[in-house]
Structures are given as C-alpha cells and as structure tokens.
Amino acid sequence: MEITNLQALSNCLTVARDAGVPIDQAKRLVESGYIPLPWQWQFHAAARSADLPDGPVDIGTGGARGPGKSHAVLSQAALDDCQRVANLKGLFLRQTGLAAKESFDDLVDKVVRGHVPHKKVGSTLRFDNGSRIILGGFKDQNDIDKYIGIEYDFIIVEELNQLTEDKYNKLRGSLRTSKPNWRPRMYTSFNPGGVGHQFVKSRYITPHREKTEKDTRFIGSTYRSNPYLNKEYIAYLEGLQGDLAKAWRDGEWDIFAGQVFSEFSRIKHTIKPLIPALSFDHFTSMDWGYTETKPHSFSFYAHALIRMKSDDGENYNRIITYKEWCGNLKTPYQWAEKIYLDCVKMGIHPKKGYADPANFNTQTDGSKAISSLMMNKWTELHKRHWLTMSPGGRNRIARVAIVHNWLSIAPDGLPYWIITENCVQLINTLPQLISDEHNLEDVETDGPDDPYDSCGSFLSQAKFISVKAGPFSHAKKAEVFRMKYNSDNQQIAFSPEEFSKQYDK
C-alpha cells in the first residue's frame, strides 16, 4: 500500500493502540489496505481479546444503521483471523433478499479483492493457508436449520435481531474446534427491532450498560460514526420520525409497546457525570425500601435546579439529576450516613428533600417515620440540622403527567430534565416502566418503579414552566457558574452559555 499521508497513518495507529489493538493485528489490517474507523478499531481489539482464556466468545457490534458493521466483521475474519491461523472454517450468515448474490459479491469485493490472496469458489472464500469462510444466507428462521450441527471455528451473524433466541443458541452449539491455537467465537451485528430485539438487548446491551460483560462484548456505533456514508442515505436516516428514527438512526433499545415514557432517550436525556455548582439550588428525593423484593428498593437522588432564559426573555427551569444512591438491606441510619458523607465530599448541601408521603408515617411497630430517622441521623452527623425532608405529591396520575413535561424539549433544544450517566438505575429503569393495566394513566407498581417514584416526588414539587421551543440565548448579564468537579475530580467551567457544549451528543 502506498502511504500518501504519514501523519494520517500515525493518527490512525494511535487510535488503534489506544483501543488495545495488538501491533501485528494493526499491521496486518493496514497493510491489507483496510483503514478502520475509530469504532471499528474497538471492535477489532475486542475480537483479538477472544484469544485470551478469560476473554469474550461473543462480540456484537452496531446498534443503528449505517456505521459500517458488515465491512468490519468480514474484515476481521478475512484479513486477520484467517490470515494468522491456518485451516480455520468459518460461517458468515447474513439476511438476504432478492439481490442476495449481488449483496454478498459487493461486500467481498470491497473487503478482500485486491487486498489478500483468495479464491471464491461458489459460496466459499478460500485462502492460501487453507482457511475458508462459507457465505450463507437466510430469508427466514427455517433457513438457519441447514447450518446447525456442522462444526465451525467461528460464526458471523449479521442482523442477529432477525433471529429468535432459540435459533441463535442452536447456532452457538455449532461453535467447536480441534485447533490448539484458536478459541471458537461468534461475531454478530444488529439493530434495534425484529423478533430477536429483547434477547439481543439482554445478551449484549444490558451487560454493556451495567459494565458486567463477561462472555460478551458490545461495540456501539451509529451512522454518525461513519464519515464515508453517502449524503443521500444520511438524509434518509435524518428524515425518519418516531420509534423508527430512534431504532434505525439513534440505536435506541428502550422501545416497546406499553412503555409509559416512550419519549425518554439515552441520547437526548443523558450527559456525562458532573456535579453542578453550589450556585444552583440543590434538592434530594427518596423512595424507601429495605427488602430484596425489588433489585433496588431504596432510591435516593440529588438534583440541581437551574434557572434558564429563552431568546425572547421567557424564564424556565432545567433540572439535572446527578447522583444516585440505590440498594437494599441497609437501615435508615446507614443510608443517612452514606448520603451525608458523600454530599460533604462533593461539597453539596441540599436546600430541601422530598419523599413519598408514606415515608412520613409512623411505622407499624410504633417507631418513628423513616424520614424522621434519617433527619435525626443527619443532625447527629452535622452537629446541627442539615436537611429537611417534605412529602412529595400524593397524586400518582399527576406525577406521571409532570414527568412527561420534564422529559419534553426546552427552547434551547435540550430536555428540561437531564440525567447524568452515573445514575445507572434511573436510566435503566425509566424506559422499562409500563402502564398499569387497571389504570393506563399510572405506572405499573410491580415493575422497577422505585427510582422513578423517588425522582417523581421532587419533580412534582419543582416548578415546571412551559416555554415554546425556538431560538435560544441567555441574558447578557447571566452569572457565570462553575462546577465543583467532574467525574475525574477536575474543576471545569459551567455557565449557562457553555451548557450546550457539555451536551456533546
């Protein structure tokens, strides 16, 4: 390959190194004429980590349309795996339509033709060292059966979300090898939607979000990750509306029928962890729980209220929820101490707290209310009164309505309510809430509603001001606020003018 831009190549290899790509893999891919995009380097690094005894065996990629998933997965198999290990036998399955052969041929031409020695015999790619990739297609579930039971060293499945979990598991049963220098593995690509949506989300997306990945790895990307995508397809994706736009353009997995807060979007409503400045008014909210009947029955949050101004001078409020305390099996005193010490560390002294009205009732054994026990502990720790807890709104239907309002879009194009990414349980459970079948205007209480109930206690008391969307700026004399520190404990500027810059999504 002729190198025409040494600086560009150097930058590319720096990205590869930072992603964890071994030197020999980077050299092999680049010398084959393939220059991966930054997200593709992450995929290739994950693929190589499958060599390790405790590495993943199932690497999934994608999440939306247009980032270059097909090119990445075939390049990994054809340009790296099959070149460094002799006599591999792999299966590459992709959903096919009327132009199945043309689709496969186009992809093969882009990836291997002129890049590595090979022969295409029928539906098989053969390489000089004996390794080969069988190109297979499926139109429906029944087509998968003809590939089940045959031994493969690796399997690639495109559009995995179009298969059921049962078919996927049967395919995995075909991953076997007798080669001492190879661990069987699966590479998959997928988008939200399809018959396999829920199992794909459970297997790849949820462990990735919760940082509990073991056998799997997920490398996310969207069309925005691919600068070479043609402008017509970009225009098509950007013109989509509703749930289809969320799925195909933005890669949103939290979409399903019966969802209460379908407007919630991880892309729109979340930002990186931060601690808003003391200049803002800070509040807390709580929903009490002790037992393990739900994963996180105790839910406590810290919020900051920011007073904003639209271009035409209208005032409105924005809320940032920036810290969560969730769990089970701790007493009110234990939670009170942890929350107080964490707030002291952050430099935050909340103005007021809100909780479900039930937390202010005397307990069944005659002891003090949960809220009183926590306030007493805070007074003991602070040597004087620290935080007053008050009841939130009792009307559950009104709570749902006000949360819808806070999730809507403000005049500056950002949501009125924004959540930092470290509030993991709130972000995970909010889109899971479904309507109560007996009262469709309320949330089903058997679901993971504790984080929502906690935040709803505050949101129902904070003043929501409806302002029409439009051009946005701030008052000329707006005060410059500063955050205490960010997630890396570094002090960073935070002013109303700079707010949109923090929102880099």
Protein backbone atom coordinates (compact mmCIF):
# COMPACT_ATOMS: atom_id res chain seq x y z
CA MET A 1 0.00 0.00 0.00
CA GLU A 2 1.33 3.41 -0.93
CA ILE A 3 1.37 5.73 2.05
CA THR A 4 0.50 9.26 0.99
CA ASN A 5 -0.17 10.85 4.38
CA LEU A 6 2.18 9.78 7.15
CA GLN A 7 0.51 11.98 9.77
CA ALA A 8 -2.90 10.48 9.00
CA LEU A 9 -1.44 6.98 9.27
CA SER A 10 0.22 7.90 12.55
CA ASN A 11 -3.08 9.21 13.93
CA CYS A 12 -4.85 6.05 12.79
CA LEU A 13 -2.33 3.79 14.51
CA THR A 14 -2.51 5.89 17.67
CA VAL A 15 -6.26 5.29 17.79
CA ALA A 16 -5.62 1.57 17.25
CA ARG A 17 -3.09 1.46 20.08
CA ASP A 18 -5.41 3.31 22.45
CA ALA A 19 -8.20 0.85 21.61
CA GLY A 20 -5.95 -2.05 22.64
CA VAL A 21 -5.21 -3.44 19.17
CA PRO A 22 -2.05 -5.63 19.09
CA ILE A 23 0.73 -4.43 16.80
CA ASP A 24 0.57 -7.45 14.50
CA GLN A 25 -3.19 -7.05 14.02
CA ALA A 26 -2.91 -3.35 13.22
CA LYS A 27 -0.07 -4.04 10.78
CA ARG A 28 -1.98 -6.85 9.06
CA LEU A 29 -5.18 -4.81 8.63
CA VAL A 30 -3.48 -1.63 7.42
CA GLU A 31 -1.14 -3.45 5.03
CA SER A 32 -4.21 -5.13 3.56
CA GLY A 33 -5.46 -1.68 2.57
CA TYR A 34 -8.12 -1.50 5.26
CA ILE A 35 -8.09 1.64 7.45
CA PRO A 36 -10.67 1.08 10.22
CA LEU A 37 -12.77 3.87 11.65
CA PRO A 38 -12.21 4.59 15.38
CA TRP A 39 -15.20 2.49 16.48
CA GLN A 40 -14.04 -0.36 14.18
CA TRP A 41 -10.65 -0.43 15.94
CA GLN A 42 -12.53 -1.05 19.18
CA PHE A 43 -14.33 -3.97 17.55
CA HIS A 44 -11.07 -5.45 16.23
CA ALA A 45 -9.46 -5.14 19.68
CA ALA A 46 -12.42 -6.97 21.24
CA ALA A 47 -12.13 -9.69 18.59
CA ARG A 48 -8.48 -10.26 19.47
CA SER A 49 -9.30 -10.37 23.18
CA ALA A 50 -11.23 -13.57 22.38
CA ASP A 51 -7.81 -15.27 22.12
CA LEU A 52 -7.39 -14.95 25.89
CA PRO A 53 -8.52 -17.83 28.16
CA ASP A 54 -10.88 -15.49 30.03
CA GLY A 55 -11.74 -13.33 27.02
CA PRO A 56 -15.15 -12.93 25.38
CA VAL A 57 -16.53 -15.52 22.98
CA ASP A 58 -19.32 -13.40 21.55
CA ILE A 59 -18.61 -9.92 20.17
CA GLY A 60 -21.55 -7.84 18.96
CA THR A 61 -21.48 -4.57 17.13
CA GLY A 62 -23.78 -1.92 15.73
CA GLY A 63 -26.96 -0.63 17.32
CA ALA A 64 -28.07 1.52 14.36
CA ARG A 65 -27.90 1.62 10.59
CA GLY A 66 -25.02 2.93 8.53
CA PRO A 67 -21.77 2.76 10.59
CA GLY A 68 -20.02 0.08 8.50
CA LYS A 69 -20.75 -3.05 10.52
CA SER A 70 -20.58 -5.51 7.60
CA HIS A 71 -17.19 -4.26 6.47
CA ALA A 72 -15.78 -4.55 10.00
CA VAL A 73 -16.91 -8.09 10.75
CA LEU A 74 -15.84 -9.57 7.40
CA SER A 75 -12.52 -7.69 7.54
CA GLN A 76 -11.79 -9.14 10.97
CA ALA A 77 -12.43 -12.68 9.78
CA ALA A 78 -10.89 -12.45 6.30
CA LEU A 79 -7.97 -10.06 6.82
CA ASP A 80 -6.90 -11.02 10.34
CA ASP A 81 -8.24 -14.31 11.71
CA CYS A 82 -7.99 -16.36 8.53
CA GLN A 83 -4.54 -14.99 7.71
CA ARG A 84 -2.90 -15.67 11.07
CA VAL A 85 -4.41 -19.11 11.77
CA ALA A 86 -4.33 -21.85 9.13
CA ASN A 87 -7.24 -24.13 8.24
CA LEU A 88 -9.95 -22.15 10.01
CA LYS A 89 -13.51 -22.86 8.94
CA GLY A 90 -15.96 -20.03 9.43
CA LEU A 91 -19.59 -19.33 8.61
CA PHE A 92 -20.81 -15.88 7.60
CA LEU A 93 -24.60 -15.59 7.72
CA ARG A 94 -26.50 -12.55 6.56
CA GLN A 95 -30.16 -11.89 5.91
CA THR A 96 -30.79 -11.97 2.18
CA GLY A 97 -33.43 -10.77 -0.21
CA LEU A 98 -33.87 -10.86 -3.96
CA ALA A 99 -30.37 -9.48 -4.57
CA ALA A 100 -28.61 -11.94 -2.24
CA LYS A 101 -25.74 -12.91 -4.53
CA GLU A 102 -25.08 -9.33 -5.64
CA SER A 103 -25.09 -8.20 -2.00
CA PHE A 104 -22.50 -10.79 -1.00
CA ASP A 105 -20.33 -10.15 -4.04
CA ASP A 106 -20.27 -6.40 -3.40
CA LEU A 107 -19.14 -6.92 0.18
CA VAL A 108 -16.48 -9.47 -0.77
CA ASP A 109 -15.15 -7.14 -3.45
CA LYS A 110 -14.81 -4.27 -1.01
CA VAL A 111 -13.10 -6.31 1.71
CA VAL A 112 -10.82 -8.89 0.07
CA ARG A 113 -10.48 -8.34 -3.68
CA GLY A 114 -7.01 -6.94 -4.33
CA HIS A 115 -6.18 -6.99 -0.62
CA VAL A 116 -5.38 -10.63 0.25
CA PRO A 117 -4.86 -13.69 -1.98
CA HIS A 118 -8.07 -15.71 -2.15
CA LYS A 119 -10.37 -17.72 -4.37
CA LYS A 120 -14.15 -17.56 -4.35
CA VAL A 121 -15.49 -20.99 -5.26
CA GLY A 122 -19.24 -21.00 -5.26
CA SER A 123 -20.28 -19.63 -1.87
CA THR A 124 -16.90 -20.22 -0.21
CA LEU A 125 -13.95 -17.85 0.23
CA ARG A 126 -10.71 -19.86 0.29
CA PHE A 127 -7.33 -18.51 1.42
CA ASP A 128 -3.82 -19.78 0.67
CA ASN A 129 -3.26 -21.24 4.16
CA GLY A 130 -6.33 -23.45 4.00
CA SER A 131 -8.65 -21.19 5.97
CA ARG A 132 -12.08 -20.61 4.46
CA ILE A 133 -15.33 -18.72 5.05
CA ILE A 134 -18.64 -20.17 3.95
CA LEU A 135 -21.03 -17.43 2.85
CA GLY A 136 -24.58 -18.34 3.83
CA GLY A 137 -27.86 -16.50 3.69
CA PHE A 138 -31.22 -16.75 5.41
CA LYS A 139 -34.58 -15.35 4.39
CA ASP A 140 -36.42 -16.64 7.47
CA GLN A 141 -35.94 -18.70 10.62
CA ASN A 142 -36.22 -22.06 8.83
CA ASP A 143 -33.18 -21.34 6.66
CA ILE A 144 -30.96 -21.43 9.76
CA ASP A 145 -31.56 -25.15 10.34
CA LYS A 146 -29.33 -26.24 7.44
CA TYR A 147 -26.29 -24.71 9.18
CA ILE A 148 -26.95 -26.21 12.62
CA GLY A 149 -24.90 -29.21 13.72
CA ILE A 150 -21.90 -28.50 11.48
CA GLU A 151 -18.61 -27.64 13.20
CA TYR A 152 -17.32 -24.08 12.71
CA ASP A 153 -14.31 -22.33 14.26
CA PHE A 154 -16.12 -19.01 14.11
CA ILE A 155 -19.57 -17.82 13.10
CA ILE A 156 -20.57 -14.36 11.89
CA VAL A 157 -24.26 -13.44 12.00
CA GLU A 158 -25.48 -10.20 10.51
CA GLU A 159 -28.87 -8.81 11.55
CA LEU A 160 -28.94 -11.09 14.58
CA ASN A 161 -32.05 -9.26 15.76
CA GLN A 162 -33.92 -11.01 12.94
CA LEU A 163 -33.39 -14.42 14.60
CA THR A 164 -35.10 -15.89 17.65
CA GLU A 165 -33.07 -16.74 20.74
CA ASP A 166 -33.66 -20.44 20.09
CA LYS A 167 -32.07 -20.27 16.62
CA TYR A 168 -29.18 -18.22 18.00
CA ASN A 169 -28.49 -20.79 20.75
CA LYS A 170 -28.55 -23.64 18.26
CA LEU A 171 -26.03 -21.82 16.08
CA ARG A 172 -23.78 -21.32 19.09
CA GLY A 173 -23.88 -25.08 19.57
CA SER A 174 -22.05 -25.38 16.24
CA LEU A 175 -19.02 -23.46 17.55
CA ARG A 176 -16.43 -26.18 18.11
CA THR A 177 -12.76 -26.56 17.26
CA SER A 178 -9.92 -29.07 17.47
CA LYS A 179 -7.25 -26.44 16.86
CA PRO A 180 -4.98 -25.80 19.88
CA ASN A 181 -4.19 -22.21 18.86
CA TRP A 182 -7.78 -20.99 18.46
CA ARG A 183 -10.80 -20.26 20.68
CA PRO A 184 -14.18 -20.55 18.94
CA ARG A 185 -16.05 -17.27 18.79
CA MET A 186 -19.03 -15.50 17.32
CA TYR A 187 -19.15 -12.06 15.72
CA THR A 188 -22.59 -10.50 15.39
CA SER A 189 -24.11 -7.26 14.16
CA PHE A 190 -27.61 -5.98 14.83
CA ASN A 191 -30.03 -3.08 15.06
CA PRO A 192 -32.92 -2.48 17.45
CA GLY A 193 -36.19 -4.14 16.45
CA GLY A 194 -37.01 -7.53 14.95
CA VAL A 195 -38.04 -10.80 16.57
CA GLY A 196 -34.77 -11.01 18.49
CA HIS A 197 -34.85 -7.49 19.95
CA GLN A 198 -35.33 -8.49 23.59
CA PHE A 199 -32.80 -11.33 23.74
CA VAL A 200 -30.16 -9.26 21.88
CA LYS A 201 -30.72 -6.43 24.33
CA SER A 202 -30.43 -8.80 27.31
CA ARG A 203 -27.34 -10.58 25.99
CA TYR A 204 -25.31 -7.62 24.74
CA ILE A 205 -26.75 -4.21 25.57
CA THR A 206 -27.67 -4.57 29.24
CA PRO A 207 -24.32 -6.12 30.36
CA HIS A 208 -22.51 -3.40 28.41
CA ARG A 209 -24.51 -0.64 30.10
CA GLU A 210 -24.10 -2.18 33.56
CA LYS A 211 -20.39 -2.95 32.98
CA THR A 212 -20.94 -6.66 33.75
CA GLU A 213 -19.76 -8.10 30.42
CA LYS A 214 -18.09 -11.49 30.71
CA ASP A 215 -18.61 -13.76 27.69
CA THR A 216 -19.85 -10.90 25.50
CA ARG A 217 -18.63 -7.53 24.30
CA PHE A 218 -20.73 -4.83 22.64
CA ILE A 219 -19.21 -2.12 20.45
CA GLY A 220 -21.83 0.53 19.71
CA SER A 221 -21.95 2.80 16.67
CA THR A 222 -24.36 4.79 14.54
CA TYR A 223 -24.30 6.40 11.10
CA ARG A 224 -22.54 9.37 12.74
CA SER A 225 -19.54 7.05 13.28
CA ASN A 226 -19.06 6.69 9.50
CA PRO A 227 -17.82 9.83 7.70
CA TYR A 228 -17.89 8.00 4.34
CA LEU A 229 -21.64 7.32 4.29
CA ASN A 230 -23.30 8.83 1.23
CA LYS A 231 -25.29 12.00 1.78
CA GLU A 232 -28.50 10.53 0.36
CA TYR A 233 -28.57 7.78 2.99
CA ILE A 234 -27.74 10.28 5.73
CA ALA A 235 -30.65 12.43 4.56
CA TYR A 236 -32.91 9.37 4.63
CA LEU A 237 -31.92 8.48 8.22
CA GLU A 238 -32.20 12.06 9.44
CA GLY A 239 -35.65 12.33 7.90
CA LEU A 240 -37.03 9.39 9.90
CA GLN A 241 -39.55 10.11 12.65
CA GLY A 242 -40.83 8.44 15.81
CA ASP A 243 -39.75 5.00 17.03
CA LEU A 244 -38.27 4.09 13.65
CA ALA A 245 -35.91 7.05 13.95
CA LYS A 246 -34.97 6.03 17.48
CA ALA A 247 -34.18 2.50 16.35
CA TRP A 248 -32.52 2.89 12.94
CA ARG A 249 -30.88 6.30 13.31
CA ASP A 250 -30.05 6.57 17.01
CA GLY A 251 -29.72 2.93 18.03
CA GLU A 252 -32.22 3.17 20.90
CA TRP A 253 -33.00 -0.19 22.51
CA ASP A 254 -35.51 1.05 25.09
CA ILE A 255 -38.53 0.94 22.80
CA PHE A 256 -41.53 -1.35 23.24
CA ALA A 257 -45.34 -1.39 23.33
CA GLY A 258 -46.96 -0.22 26.57
CA GLN A 259 -43.99 1.96 27.51
CA VAL A 260 -45.03 4.88 29.73
CA PHE A 261 -42.18 7.29 28.96
CA SER A 262 -41.52 6.49 25.30
CA GLU A 263 -40.06 9.97 24.80
CA PHE A 264 -37.10 9.14 27.05
CA SER A 265 -33.88 8.73 25.06
CA ARG A 266 -30.43 7.91 26.40
CA ILE A 267 -29.01 10.06 23.62
CA LYS A 268 -31.15 13.11 24.39
CA HIS A 269 -31.66 12.89 28.15
CA THR A 270 -28.25 11.85 29.49
CA ILE A 271 -24.89 13.61 29.79
CA LYS A 272 -21.54 12.66 31.26
CA PRO A 273 -21.20 12.71 35.08
CA LEU A 274 -20.82 16.14 36.64
CA ILE A 275 -21.50 17.97 39.90
CA PRO A 276 -23.39 21.23 39.31
CA ALA A 277 -22.15 24.33 41.12
CA LEU A 278 -23.30 25.37 44.58
CA SER A 279 -24.68 28.50 42.88
CA PHE A 280 -27.65 26.36 41.81
CA ASP A 281 -30.37 25.18 44.19
CA HIS A 282 -29.80 21.54 45.14
CA PHE A 283 -32.51 19.13 46.23
CA THR A 284 -32.85 15.45 47.11
CA SER A 285 -35.57 12.86 46.66
CA MET A 286 -36.21 9.46 48.24
CA ASP A 287 -38.27 6.32 47.89
CA TRP A 288 -37.75 4.00 50.88
CA GLY A 289 -37.27 0.25 50.65
CA TYR A 290 -35.33 -2.36 52.57
CA THR A 291 -36.06 -5.88 51.31
CA GLU A 292 -34.85 -7.56 48.13
CA THR A 293 -38.33 -7.83 46.64
CA LYS A 294 -37.04 -5.39 44.00
CA PRO A 295 -33.45 -5.02 42.78
CA HIS A 296 -33.03 -1.50 44.20
CA SER A 297 -35.89 -0.81 46.57
CA PHE A 298 -34.15 2.16 48.26
CA SER A 299 -33.69 5.01 45.78
CA PHE A 300 -32.26 8.41 46.71
CA TYR A 301 -31.24 11.15 44.25
CA ALA A 302 -29.55 14.55 44.18
CA HIS A 303 -30.86 17.17 41.77
CA ALA A 304 -29.86 20.70 40.79
CA LEU A 305 -32.39 23.27 39.56
CA ILE A 306 -31.04 25.75 37.01
CA ARG A 307 -32.95 28.89 36.07
CA MET A 308 -32.76 29.49 32.33
CA LYS A 309 -33.93 32.22 29.94
CA SER A 310 -35.10 31.89 26.34
CA ASP A 311 -34.14 34.18 23.49
CA ASP A 312 -37.30 36.23 23.84
CA GLY A 313 -36.83 36.68 27.59
CA GLU A 314 -39.07 33.92 28.95
CA ASN A 315 -37.85 32.17 32.11
CA TYR A 316 -37.91 28.41 32.55
CA ASN A 317 -36.29 25.78 34.77
CA ARG A 318 -33.98 22.91 33.98
CA ILE A 319 -33.19 20.04 36.33
CA ILE A 320 -30.04 17.95 36.35
CA THR A 321 -30.22 14.70 38.33
CA TYR A 322 -26.58 13.98 39.05
CA LYS A 323 -26.17 11.44 41.87
CA GLU A 324 -27.98 8.26 42.96
CA TRP A 325 -27.88 6.01 45.99
CA CYS A 326 -29.71 2.72 45.36
CA GLY A 327 -29.77 -0.66 47.04
CA ASN A 328 -31.29 -2.91 49.70
CA LEU A 329 -30.76 -4.24 53.21
CA LYS A 330 -29.48 -1.02 54.79
CA THR A 331 -31.11 0.77 57.71
CA PRO A 332 -32.24 4.41 57.53
CA TYR A 333 -29.22 5.34 59.70
CA GLN A 334 -26.78 3.56 57.36
CA TRP A 335 -28.19 5.25 54.27
CA ALA A 336 -28.33 8.64 56.01
CA GLU A 337 -24.65 8.41 56.95
CA LYS A 338 -23.52 7.38 53.46
CA ILE A 339 -25.55 10.13 51.78
CA TYR A 340 -24.31 12.79 54.18
CA LEU A 341 -20.63 11.83 53.80
CA ASP A 342 -20.92 11.67 50.00
CA CYS A 343 -22.55 15.11 49.90
CA VAL A 344 -19.82 16.57 52.10
CA LYS A 345 -17.21 15.08 49.77
CA MET A 346 -18.97 16.64 46.76
CA GLY A 347 -19.25 19.98 48.55
CA ILE A 348 -23.06 19.88 48.25
CA HIS A 349 -25.55 20.97 50.92
CA PRO A 350 -29.07 20.32 49.57
CA LYS A 351 -31.68 23.01 50.11
CA LYS A 352 -34.54 20.58 50.72
CA GLY A 353 -35.53 16.94 50.24
CA TYR A 354 -38.74 15.25 49.10
CA ALA A 355 -40.03 11.72 49.61
CA ASP A 356 -43.11 9.64 49.10
CA PRO A 357 -45.74 10.67 51.70
CA ALA A 358 -45.72 7.12 53.12
CA ASN A 359 -42.18 7.74 54.40
CA PHE A 360 -43.60 10.25 56.89
CA ASN A 361 -45.96 7.79 58.58
CA THR A 362 -45.19 6.22 61.95
CA GLN A 363 -44.03 2.64 61.37
CA THR A 364 -46.24 -0.36 62.19
CA ASP A 365 -44.25 -1.11 65.36
CA GLY A 366 -44.84 2.43 66.62
CA SER A 367 -41.32 3.67 65.89
CA LYS A 368 -40.53 6.95 64.17
CA ALA A 369 -41.14 7.52 60.48
CA ILE A 370 -38.30 6.70 58.04
CA SER A 371 -37.88 10.37 57.15
CA SER A 372 -37.54 11.33 60.84
CA LEU A 373 -34.91 8.65 61.46
CA MET A 374 -32.81 9.91 58.57
CA MET A 375 -33.16 13.58 59.53
CA ASN A 376 -32.14 12.74 63.12
CA LYS A 377 -29.03 10.95 61.87
CA TRP A 378 -28.11 13.90 59.66
CA THR A 379 -28.44 16.27 62.64
CA GLU A 380 -26.18 13.98 64.69
CA LEU A 381 -23.53 13.91 61.96
CA HIS A 382 -23.72 17.62 61.10
CA LYS A 383 -23.93 18.73 64.77
CA ARG A 384 -26.95 20.80 63.77
CA HIS A 385 -29.91 20.49 61.44
CA TRP A 386 -28.75 19.55 57.94
CA LEU A 387 -31.70 18.71 55.65
CA THR A 388 -35.48 18.87 55.89
CA MET A 389 -37.48 16.18 54.13
CA SER A 390 -41.02 17.01 52.97
CA PRO A 391 -43.77 14.90 51.37
CA GLY A 392 -43.92 14.82 47.58
CA GLY A 393 -47.14 14.83 45.62
CA ARG A 394 -49.68 12.12 46.50
CA ASN A 395 -51.45 12.05 43.14
CA ARG A 396 -49.76 9.33 41.08
CA ILE A 397 -51.53 10.24 37.84
CA ALA A 398 -50.44 13.86 38.20
CA ARG A 399 -46.89 12.61 38.84
CA VAL A 400 -46.85 10.76 35.51
CA ALA A 401 -48.08 13.87 33.72
CA ILE A 402 -45.46 16.16 35.26
CA VAL A 403 -42.64 13.72 34.44
CA HIS A 404 -43.81 13.77 30.81
CA ASN A 405 -43.48 17.56 30.96
CA TRP A 406 -39.97 17.46 32.38
CA LEU A 407 -38.89 14.97 29.68
CA SER A 408 -40.05 17.32 26.90
CA ILE A 409 -37.70 19.61 24.97
CA ALA A 410 -36.90 23.13 26.18
CA PRO A 411 -36.36 26.22 23.94
CA ASP A 412 -32.64 25.51 23.58
CA GLY A 413 -33.34 22.11 22.04
CA LEU A 414 -32.30 20.16 25.16
CA PRO A 415 -34.64 18.40 27.60
CA TYR A 416 -35.95 20.21 30.66
CA TRP A 417 -34.77 17.20 32.71
CA ILE A 418 -31.30 15.79 32.11
CA ILE A 419 -29.70 12.84 33.93
CA THR A 420 -26.00 12.12 34.33
CA GLU A 421 -24.77 8.73 33.18
CA ASN A 422 -23.71 7.66 36.68
CA CYS A 423 -27.40 7.46 37.69
CA VAL A 424 -27.41 3.95 36.26
CA GLN A 425 -30.55 2.55 37.90
CA LEU A 426 -32.69 5.55 36.99
CA ILE A 427 -31.54 5.46 33.37
CA ASN A 428 -32.03 1.69 33.11
CA THR A 429 -35.45 1.52 34.76
CA LEU A 430 -37.20 4.66 33.49
CA PRO A 431 -37.68 3.29 29.96
CA GLN A 432 -38.80 -0.09 31.36
CA LEU A 433 -41.89 1.30 33.09
CA ILE A 434 -45.21 0.15 31.65
CA SER A 435 -48.78 1.32 32.19
CA ASP A 436 -50.91 -0.17 34.94
CA GLU A 437 -53.45 -2.41 33.19
CA HIS A 438 -56.15 -1.24 35.63
CA ASN A 439 -55.27 2.45 35.24
CA LEU A 440 -53.49 3.26 32.00
CA GLU A 441 -52.60 6.75 33.23
CA ASP A 442 -50.47 5.33 36.07
CA VAL A 443 -47.26 3.28 36.22
CA GLU A 444 -47.38 -0.46 36.97
CA THR A 445 -46.14 -0.72 40.57
CA ASP A 446 -44.89 -4.31 40.24
CA GLY A 447 -42.17 -3.07 37.89
CA PRO A 448 -38.86 -1.32 38.68
CA ASP A 449 -40.59 1.94 39.69
CA ASP A 450 -38.57 2.92 42.78
CA PRO A 451 -36.07 5.28 41.07
CA TYR A 452 -38.99 6.88 39.19
CA ASP A 453 -41.05 7.27 42.37
CA SER A 454 -38.10 8.89 44.11
CA CYS A 455 -37.46 11.43 41.35
CA GLY A 456 -41.17 11.97 40.82
CA SER A 457 -41.50 13.11 44.43
CA PHE A 458 -39.21 16.02 43.60
CA LEU A 459 -40.27 16.69 40.01
CA SER A 460 -43.90 17.02 41.10
CA GLN A 461 -42.89 19.78 43.54
CA ALA A 462 -40.41 21.66 41.34
CA LYS A 463 -41.96 24.42 39.25
CA PHE A 464 -42.28 23.41 35.62
CA ILE A 465 -42.71 26.35 33.23
CA SER A 466 -43.88 25.59 29.72
CA VAL A 467 -41.99 27.68 27.15
CA LYS A 468 -42.33 27.42 23.40
CA ALA A 469 -39.35 26.00 21.54
CA GLY A 470 -37.32 28.42 19.45
CA PRO A 471 -34.01 30.30 19.16
CA PHE A 472 -32.06 30.26 22.38
CA SER A 473 -29.71 32.58 24.21
CA HIS A 474 -29.22 33.82 27.74
CA ALA A 475 -29.49 37.18 29.43
CA LYS A 476 -26.40 39.27 28.78
CA LYS A 477 -25.69 39.60 32.48
CA ALA A 478 -26.11 35.90 33.24
CA GLU A 479 -23.91 34.79 36.12
CA VAL A 480 -21.03 32.51 35.26
CA PHE A 481 -21.50 29.34 37.29
CA ARG A 482 -18.79 26.78 37.90
CA MET A 483 -19.00 23.09 38.64
CA LYS A 484 -17.21 21.75 41.69
CA TYR A 485 -15.54 18.94 39.77
CA ASN A 486 -16.30 16.47 37.04
CA SER A 487 -16.12 12.67 37.09
CA ASP A 488 -12.30 12.87 37.07
CA ASN A 489 -12.30 15.29 40.02
CA GLN A 490 -11.12 18.11 37.77
CA GLN A 491 -12.66 21.55 38.10
CA ILE A 492 -14.31 22.64 34.86
CA ALA A 493 -16.26 25.70 33.78
CA PHE A 494 -20.03 25.52 33.72
CA SER A 495 -22.03 28.55 32.70
CA PRO A 496 -25.43 28.89 31.03
CA GLU A 497 -23.66 29.89 27.83
CA GLU A 498 -21.48 26.79 27.99
CA PHE A 499 -24.22 24.38 28.89
CA SER A 500 -24.80 23.16 25.34
CA LYS A 501 -21.08 22.46 24.95
CA GLN A 502 -21.29 19.99 27.83
CA TYR A 503 -24.06 18.25 25.94
CA ASP A 504 -21.85 16.77 23.26
CA LYS A 505 -24.32 14.22 21.93
